[in-house]
């Protein structure tokens, strides 16, 4: 279930990440969705969707970090 628009992202992503981080998330998710279509490419028993979400969050965390004081995501 690749995402075509930011409005389709999970509410937890839309409500917490800035727009640029949402764009990173969506692009990484969609790429991982395609890359890990084969269950043999995934670790353990992770589903295709679970793997794609993990990859997407990892991509966001390369560029953004959560501010400890405000709890908001900001660029590194």
PDB file of N, CA and C in Angstrom:
ATOM      1  N   UNK A   1       0.815  -1.190   0.000  1.00  0.00           N
ATOM      2  CA  UNK A   1       0.000   0.000   0.000  1.00  0.00           C
ATOM      3  C   UNK A   1       0.854   1.247   0.000  1.00  0.00           C
ATOM      4  N   UNK A   2       1.559   1.486  -1.067  1.00  0.00           N
ATOM      5  CA  UNK A   2       2.365   2.709  -1.156  1.00  0.00           C
ATOM      6  C   UNK A   2       1.478   3.950  -1.020  1.00  0.00           C
ATOM      7  N   UNK A   3       2.088   5.009  -0.556  1.00  0.00           N
ATOM      8  CA  UNK A   3       1.371   6.266  -0.368  1.00  0.00           C
ATOM      9  C   UNK A   3       1.584   7.168  -1.574  1.00  0.00           C
ATOM     10  N   UNK A   4       0.513   7.804  -2.036  1.00  0.00           N
ATOM     11  CA  UNK A   4       0.601   8.721  -3.164  1.00  0.00           C
ATOM     12  C   UNK A   4       0.638  10.174  -2.711  1.00  0.00           C
ATOM     13  N   UNK A   5       0.067  10.447  -1.533  1.00  0.00           N
ATOM     14  CA  UNK A   5       0.009  11.818  -1.021  1.00  0.00           C
ATOM     15  C   UNK A   5       0.293  11.816   0.478  1.00  0.00           C
ATOM     16  N   UNK A   6       0.770  12.941   0.980  1.00  0.00           N
ATOM     17  CA  UNK A   6       1.082  13.057   2.403  1.00  0.00           C
ATOM     18  C   UNK A   6      -0.164  12.848   3.262  1.00  0.00           C
ATOM     19  N   UNK A   7      -1.315  13.223   2.754  1.00  0.00           N
ATOM     20  CA  UNK A   7      -2.570  13.067   3.500  1.00  0.00           C
ATOM     21  C   UNK A   7      -2.901  11.608   3.793  1.00  0.00           C
ATOM     22  N   UNK A   8      -2.279  10.696   3.067  1.00  0.00           N
ATOM     23  CA  UNK A   8      -2.540   9.269   3.245  1.00  0.00           C
ATOM     24  C   UNK A   8      -1.661   8.636   4.322  1.00  0.00           C
ATOM     25  N   UNK A   9      -0.629   9.348   4.751  1.00  0.00           N
ATOM     26  CA  UNK A   9       0.282   8.804   5.770  1.00  0.00           C
ATOM     27  C   UNK A   9      -0.467   8.541   7.073  1.00  0.00           C
ATOM     28  N   UNK A  10       0.060   7.646   7.899  1.00  0.00           N
ATOM     29  CA  UNK A  10      -0.585   7.404   9.198  1.00  0.00           C
ATOM     30  C   UNK A  10      -0.703   8.697  10.004  1.00  0.00           C
ATOM     31  N   UNK A  11      -1.758   8.779  10.775  1.00  0.00           N
ATOM     32  CA  UNK A  11      -2.019   9.979  11.584  1.00  0.00           C
ATOM     33  C   UNK A  11      -0.834  10.312  12.486  1.00  0.00           C
ATOM     34  N   UNK A  12      -0.195   9.307  13.052  1.00  0.00           N
ATOM     35  CA  UNK A  12       0.945   9.554  13.940  1.00  0.00           C
ATOM     36  C   UNK A  12       2.095  10.240  13.206  1.00  0.00           C
ATOM     37  N   UNK A  13       2.245   9.971  11.935  1.00  0.00           N
ATOM     38  CA  UNK A  13       3.286  10.615  11.129  1.00  0.00           C
ATOM     39  C   UNK A  13       2.850  12.029  10.784  1.00  0.00           C
ATOM     40  N   UNK A  14       1.637  12.174  10.293  1.00  0.00           N
ATOM     41  CA  UNK A  14       1.126  13.502   9.902  1.00  0.00           C
ATOM     42  C   UNK A  14       1.088  14.475  11.072  1.00  0.00           C
ATOM     43  N   UNK A  15       0.715  13.993  12.245  1.00  0.00           N
ATOM     44  CA  UNK A  15       0.546  14.873  13.400  1.00  0.00           C
ATOM     45  C   UNK A  15       1.862  15.254  14.073  1.00  0.00           C
ATOM     46  N   UNK A  16       2.926  14.505  13.808  1.00  0.00           N
ATOM     47  CA  UNK A  16       4.166  14.735  14.544  1.00  0.00           C
ATOM     48  C   UNK A  16       5.347  15.226  13.714  1.00  0.00           C
ATOM     49  N   UNK A  17       5.379  14.894  12.453  1.00  0.00           N
ATOM     50  CA  UNK A  17       6.533  15.258  11.643  1.00  0.00           C
ATOM     51  C   UNK A  17       6.275  16.505  10.804  1.00  0.00           C
ATOM     52  N   UNK A  18       7.295  17.352  10.643  1.00  0.00           N
ATOM     53  CA  UNK A  18       7.166  18.488   9.732  1.00  0.00           C
ATOM     54  C   UNK A  18       6.983  17.978   8.292  1.00  0.00           C
ATOM     55  N   UNK A  19       6.519  18.834   7.422  1.00  0.00           N
ATOM     56  CA  UNK A  19       6.213  18.427   6.050  1.00  0.00           C
ATOM     57  C   UNK A  19       7.407  17.761   5.372  1.00  0.00           C
ATOM     58  N   UNK A  20       8.579  18.345   5.470  1.00  0.00           N
ATOM     59  CA  UNK A  20       9.754  17.767   4.812  1.00  0.00           C
ATOM     60  C   UNK A  20      10.039  16.362   5.332  1.00  0.00           C
ATOM     61  N   UNK A  21       9.902  16.159   6.615  1.00  0.00           N
ATOM     62  CA  UNK A  21      10.117  14.828   7.198  1.00  0.00           C
ATOM     63  C   UNK A  21       9.046  13.849   6.712  1.00  0.00           C
ATOM     64  N   UNK A  22       7.827  14.321   6.522  1.00  0.00           N
ATOM     65  CA  UNK A  22       6.769  13.478   5.981  1.00  0.00           C
ATOM     66  C   UNK A  22       7.104  13.051   4.550  1.00  0.00           C
ATOM     67  N   UNK A  23       7.689  13.964   3.792  1.00  0.00           N
ATOM     68  CA  UNK A  23       8.088  13.637   2.420  1.00  0.00           C
ATOM     69  C   UNK A  23       9.180  12.564   2.421  1.00  0.00           C
ATOM     70  N   UNK A  24      10.121  12.687   3.335  1.00  0.00           N
ATOM     71  CA  UNK A  24      11.176  11.677   3.472  1.00  0.00           C
ATOM     72  C   UNK A  24      10.550  10.339   3.835  1.00  0.00           C
ATOM     73  N   UNK A  25       9.653  10.364   4.792  1.00  0.00           N
ATOM     74  CA  UNK A  25       8.979   9.145   5.259  1.00  0.00           C
ATOM     75  C   UNK A  25       8.257   8.458   4.095  1.00  0.00           C
ATOM     76  N   UNK A  26       7.480   9.232   3.359  1.00  0.00           N
ATOM     77  CA  UNK A  26       6.689   8.659   2.267  1.00  0.00           C
ATOM     78  C   UNK A  26       7.593   8.045   1.192  1.00  0.00           C
ATOM     79  N   UNK A  27       8.623   8.751   0.815  1.00  0.00           N
ATOM     80  CA  UNK A  27       9.524   8.249  -0.224  1.00  0.00           C
ATOM     81  C   UNK A  27      10.229   6.971   0.247  1.00  0.00           C
ATOM     82  N   UNK A  28      10.718   6.965   1.479  1.00  0.00           N
ATOM     83  CA  UNK A  28      11.408   5.787   2.016  1.00  0.00           C
ATOM     84  C   UNK A  28      10.453   4.605   2.155  1.00  0.00           C
ATOM     85  N   UNK A  29       9.238   4.876   2.622  1.00  0.00           N
ATOM     86  CA  UNK A  29       8.246   3.807   2.758  1.00  0.00           C
ATOM     87  C   UNK A  29       7.964   3.179   1.404  1.00  0.00           C
ATOM     88  N   UNK A  30       7.699   4.010   0.410  1.00  0.00           N
ATOM     89  CA  UNK A  30       7.361   3.507  -0.915  1.00  0.00           C
ATOM     90  C   UNK A  30       8.509   2.704  -1.532  1.00  0.00           C
ATOM     91  N   UNK A  31       9.725   3.177  -1.346  1.00  0.00           N
ATOM     92  CA  UNK A  31      10.884   2.438  -1.863  1.00  0.00           C
ATOM     93  C   UNK A  31      11.030   1.100  -1.155  1.00  0.00           C
ATOM     94  N   UNK A  32      10.877   1.100   0.159  1.00  0.00           N
ATOM     95  CA  UNK A  32      11.002  -0.141   0.936  1.00  0.00           C
ATOM     96  C   UNK A  32       9.865  -1.106   0.592  1.00  0.00           C
ATOM     97  N   UNK A  33       8.688  -0.570   0.332  1.00  0.00           N
ATOM     98  CA  UNK A  33       7.535  -1.408  -0.039  1.00  0.00           C
ATOM     99  C   UNK A  33       7.891  -2.235  -1.278  1.00  0.00           C
ATOM    100  N   UNK A  34       8.538  -1.590  -2.235  1.00  0.00           N
ATOM    101  CA  UNK A  34       8.937  -2.285  -3.461  1.00  0.00           C
ATOM    102  C   UNK A  34      10.121  -3.215  -3.216  1.00  0.00           C
ATOM    103  N   UNK A  35      11.103  -2.716  -2.472  1.00  0.00           N
ATOM    104  CA  UNK A  35      12.338  -3.480  -2.256  1.00  0.00           C
ATOM    105  C   UNK A  35      12.117  -4.758  -1.444  1.00  0.00           C
ATOM    106  N   UNK A  36      11.215  -4.724  -0.485  1.00  0.00           N
ATOM    107  CA  UNK A  36      11.005  -5.868   0.407  1.00  0.00           C
ATOM    108  C   UNK A  36       9.713  -6.631   0.107  1.00  0.00           C
ATOM    109  N   UNK A  37       9.321  -6.654  -1.155  1.00  0.00           N
ATOM    110  CA  UNK A  37       8.123  -7.390  -1.556  1.00  0.00           C
ATOM    111  C   UNK A  37       8.286  -8.891  -1.301  1.00  0.00           C
ATOM    112  N   UNK A  38       9.500  -9.377  -1.487  1.00  0.00           N
ATOM    113  CA  UNK A  38       9.795 -10.800  -1.276  1.00  0.00           C
ATOM    114  C   UNK A  38      10.047 -11.053   0.211  1.00  0.00           C
ATOM    115  N   UNK A  39       9.280 -11.937   0.843  1.00  0.00           N
ATOM    116  CA  UNK A  39       9.469 -12.210   2.279  1.00  0.00           C
ATOM    117  C   UNK A  39      10.885 -12.647   2.639  1.00  0.00           C
ATOM    118  N   UNK A  40      11.602 -13.234   1.715  1.00  0.00           N
ATOM    119  CA  UNK A  40      12.975 -13.675   1.983  1.00  0.00           C
ATOM    120  C   UNK A  40      13.928 -12.491   2.160  1.00  0.00           C
ATOM    121  N   UNK A  41      13.521 -11.319   1.705  1.00  0.00           N
ATOM    122  CA  UNK A  41      14.347 -10.119   1.832  1.00  0.00           C
ATOM    123  C   UNK A  41      14.182  -9.452   3.198  1.00  0.00           C
ATOM    124  N   UNK A  42      13.162  -9.862   3.945  1.00  0.00           N
ATOM    125  CA  UNK A  42      12.867  -9.238   5.240  1.00  0.00           C
ATOM    126  C   UNK A  42      13.483 -10.038   6.383  1.00  0.00           C
ATOM    127  N   UNK A  43      13.673  -9.363   7.505  1.00  0.00           N
ATOM    128  CA  UNK A  43      14.204 -10.021   8.697  1.00  0.00           C
ATOM    129  C   UNK A  43      13.080 -10.658   9.492  1.00  0.00           C
ATOM    130  N   UNK A  44      13.320 -11.844   9.977  1.00  0.00           N
ATOM    131  CA  UNK A  44      12.351 -12.509  10.842  1.00  0.00           C
ATOM    132  C   UNK A  44      11.000 -12.669  10.182  1.00  0.00           C
ATOM    133  N   UNK A  45       9.962 -12.470  10.985  1.00  0.00           N
ATOM    134  CA  UNK A  45       8.591 -12.635  10.503  1.00  0.00           C
ATOM    135  C   UNK A  45       7.927 -11.301  10.177  1.00  0.00           C
ATOM    136  N   UNK A  46       8.715 -10.257  10.018  1.00  0.00           N
ATOM    137  CA  UNK A  46       8.151  -8.926   9.775  1.00  0.00           C
ATOM    138  C   UNK A  46       7.361  -8.904   8.476  1.00  0.00           C
ATOM    139  N   UNK A  47       6.216  -8.245   8.522  1.00  0.00           N
ATOM    140  CA  UNK A  47       5.398  -8.101   7.320  1.00  0.00           C
ATOM    141  C   UNK A  47       6.031  -7.060   6.401  1.00  0.00           C
ATOM    142  N   UNK A  48       5.566  -7.048   5.186  1.00  0.00           N
ATOM    143  CA  UNK A  48       6.047  -6.065   4.219  1.00  0.00           C
ATOM    144  C   UNK A  48       5.778  -4.646   4.720  1.00  0.00           C
ATOM    145  N   UNK A  49       4.579  -4.422   5.257  1.00  0.00           N
ATOM    146  CA  UNK A  49       4.213  -3.100   5.755  1.00  0.00           C
ATOM    147  C   UNK A  49       5.055  -2.705   6.969  1.00  0.00           C
ATOM    148  N   UNK A  50       5.232  -3.627   7.910  1.00  0.00           N
ATOM    149  CA  UNK A  50       6.036  -3.348   9.102  1.00  0.00           C
ATOM    150  C   UNK A  50       7.467  -2.989   8.715  1.00  0.00           C
ATOM    151  N   UNK A  51       8.034  -3.726   7.785  1.00  0.00           N
ATOM    152  CA  UNK A  51       9.392  -3.456   7.327  1.00  0.00           C
ATOM    153  C   UNK A  51       9.481  -2.084   6.681  1.00  0.00           C
ATOM    154  N   UNK A  52       8.507  -1.744   5.844  1.00  0.00           N
ATOM    155  CA  UNK A  52       8.520  -0.446   5.164  1.00  0.00           C
ATOM    156  C   UNK A  52       8.409   0.708   6.160  1.00  0.00           C
ATOM    157  N   UNK A  53       7.597   0.545   7.210  1.00  0.00           N
ATOM    158  CA  UNK A  53       7.491   1.592   8.236  1.00  0.00           C
ATOM    159  C   UNK A  53       8.809   1.743   8.991  1.00  0.00           C
ATOM    160  N   UNK A  54       9.461   0.647   9.298  1.00  0.00           N
ATOM    161  CA  UNK A  54      10.754   0.712  10.001  1.00  0.00           C
ATOM    162  C   UNK A  54      11.796   1.432   9.155  1.00  0.00           C
ATOM    163  N   UNK A  55      11.837   1.122   7.880  1.00  0.00           N
ATOM    164  CA  UNK A  55      12.773   1.778   6.972  1.00  0.00           C
ATOM    165  C   UNK A  55      12.457   3.268   6.885  1.00  0.00           C
ATOM    166  N   UNK A  56      11.184   3.610   6.809  1.00  0.00           N
ATOM    167  CA  UNK A  56      10.779   5.014   6.704  1.00  0.00           C
ATOM    168  C   UNK A  56      11.195   5.812   7.934  1.00  0.00           C
ATOM    169  N   UNK A  57      10.963   5.249   9.128  1.00  0.00           N
ATOM    170  CA  UNK A  57      11.373   5.945  10.350  1.00  0.00           C
ATOM    171  C   UNK A  57      12.887   6.097  10.411  1.00  0.00           C
ATOM    172  N   UNK A  58      13.616   5.083   9.996  1.00  0.00           N
ATOM    173  CA  UNK A  58      15.084   5.167   9.995  1.00  0.00           C
ATOM    174  C   UNK A  58      15.553   6.286   9.064  1.00  0.00           C
ATOM    175  N   UNK A  59      14.896   6.435   7.917  1.00  0.00           N
ATOM    176  CA  UNK A  59      15.256   7.498   6.978  1.00  0.00           C
ATOM    177  C   UNK A  59      14.993   8.874   7.582  1.00  0.00           C
ATOM    178  N   UNK A  60      13.877   9.021   8.265  1.00  0.00           N
ATOM    179  CA  UNK A  60      13.563  10.297   8.910  1.00  0.00           C
ATOM    180  C   UNK A  60      14.605  10.616   9.973  1.00  0.00           C
ATOM    181  N   UNK A  61      14.985   9.621  10.752  1.00  0.00           N
ATOM    182  CA  UNK A  61      15.927   9.834  11.860  1.00  0.00           C
ATOM    183  C   UNK A  61      17.341  10.157  11.394  1.00  0.00           C
ATOM    184  N   UNK A  62      17.636   9.957  10.129  1.00  0.00           N
ATOM    185  CA  UNK A  62      18.940  10.361   9.594  1.00  0.00           C
ATOM    186  C   UNK A  62      19.017  11.871   9.432  1.00  0.00           C
ATOM    187  N   UNK A  63      17.870  12.512   9.240  1.00  0.00           N
ATOM    188  CA  UNK A  63      17.823  13.948   8.966  1.00  0.00           C
ATOM    189  C   UNK A  63      17.201  14.739  10.118  1.00  0.00           C
ATOM    190  N   UNK A  64      16.306  14.103  10.860  1.00  0.00           N
ATOM    191  CA  UNK A  64      15.573  14.773  11.940  1.00  0.00           C
ATOM    192  C   UNK A  64      15.827  14.091  13.276  1.00  0.00           C
ATOM    193  N   UNK A  65      15.646  14.868  14.327  1.00  0.00           N
ATOM    194  CA  UNK A  65      15.713  14.323  15.679  1.00  0.00           C
ATOM    195  C   UNK A  65      14.603  14.952  16.499  1.00  0.00           C
ATOM    196  N   UNK A  66      14.203  14.250  17.537  1.00  0.00           N
ATOM    197  CA  UNK A  66      13.142  14.759  18.397  1.00  0.00           C
ATOM    198  C   UNK A  66      13.767  15.628  19.486  1.00  0.00           C
ATOM    199  N   UNK A  67      13.293  16.861  19.589  1.00  0.00           N
ATOM    200  CA  UNK A  67      13.776  17.783  20.609  1.00  0.00           C
ATOM    201  C   UNK A  67      13.293  17.303  21.970  1.00  0.00           C
ATOM    202  N   UNK A  68      14.213  17.139  22.897  1.00  0.00           N
ATOM    203  CA  UNK A  68      13.857  16.603  24.216  1.00  0.00           C
ATOM    204  C   UNK A  68      12.949  17.544  25.008  1.00  0.00           C
ATOM    205  N   UNK A  69      13.140  18.826  24.854  1.00  0.00           N
ATOM    206  CA  UNK A  69      12.341  19.781  25.619  1.00  0.00           C
ATOM    207  C   UNK A  69      10.921  19.932  25.078  1.00  0.00           C
ATOM    208  N   UNK A  70      10.821  20.164  23.777  1.00  0.00           N
ATOM    209  CA  UNK A  70       9.504  20.426  23.190  1.00  0.00           C
ATOM    210  C   UNK A  70       8.800  19.164  22.706  1.00  0.00           C
ATOM    211  N   UNK A  71       9.570  18.108  22.458  1.00  0.00           N
ATOM    212  CA  UNK A  71       8.985  16.878  21.938  1.00  0.00           C
ATOM    213  C   UNK A  71       8.694  16.943  20.450  1.00  0.00           C
ATOM    214  N   UNK A  72       9.097  18.044  19.806  1.00  0.00           N
ATOM    215  CA  UNK A  72       8.867  18.207  18.370  1.00  0.00           C
ATOM    216  C   UNK A  72      10.076  17.723  17.580  1.00  0.00           C
ATOM    217  N   UNK A  73       9.825  17.289  16.344  1.00  0.00           N
ATOM    218  CA  UNK A  73      10.895  16.852  15.468  1.00  0.00           C
ATOM    219  C   UNK A  73      11.523  18.062  14.803  1.00  0.00           C
ATOM    220  N   UNK A  74      12.874  18.089  14.748  1.00  0.00           N
ATOM    221  CA  UNK A  74      13.592  19.191  14.141  1.00  0.00           C
ATOM    222  C   UNK A  74      14.758  18.632  13.332  1.00  0.00           C
ATOM    223  N   UNK A  75      15.196  19.409  12.349  1.00  0.00           N
ATOM    224  CA  UNK A  75      16.348  18.981  11.539  1.00  0.00           C
ATOM    225  C   UNK A  75      17.585  18.956  12.406  1.00  0.00           C
ATOM    226  N   UNK A  76      18.440  18.009  12.123  1.00  0.00           N
ATOM    227  CA  UNK A  76      19.708  17.890  12.875  1.00  0.00           C
ATOM    228  C   UNK A  76      20.651  19.001  12.481  1.00  0.00           C
TER     229      UNK A  76
END
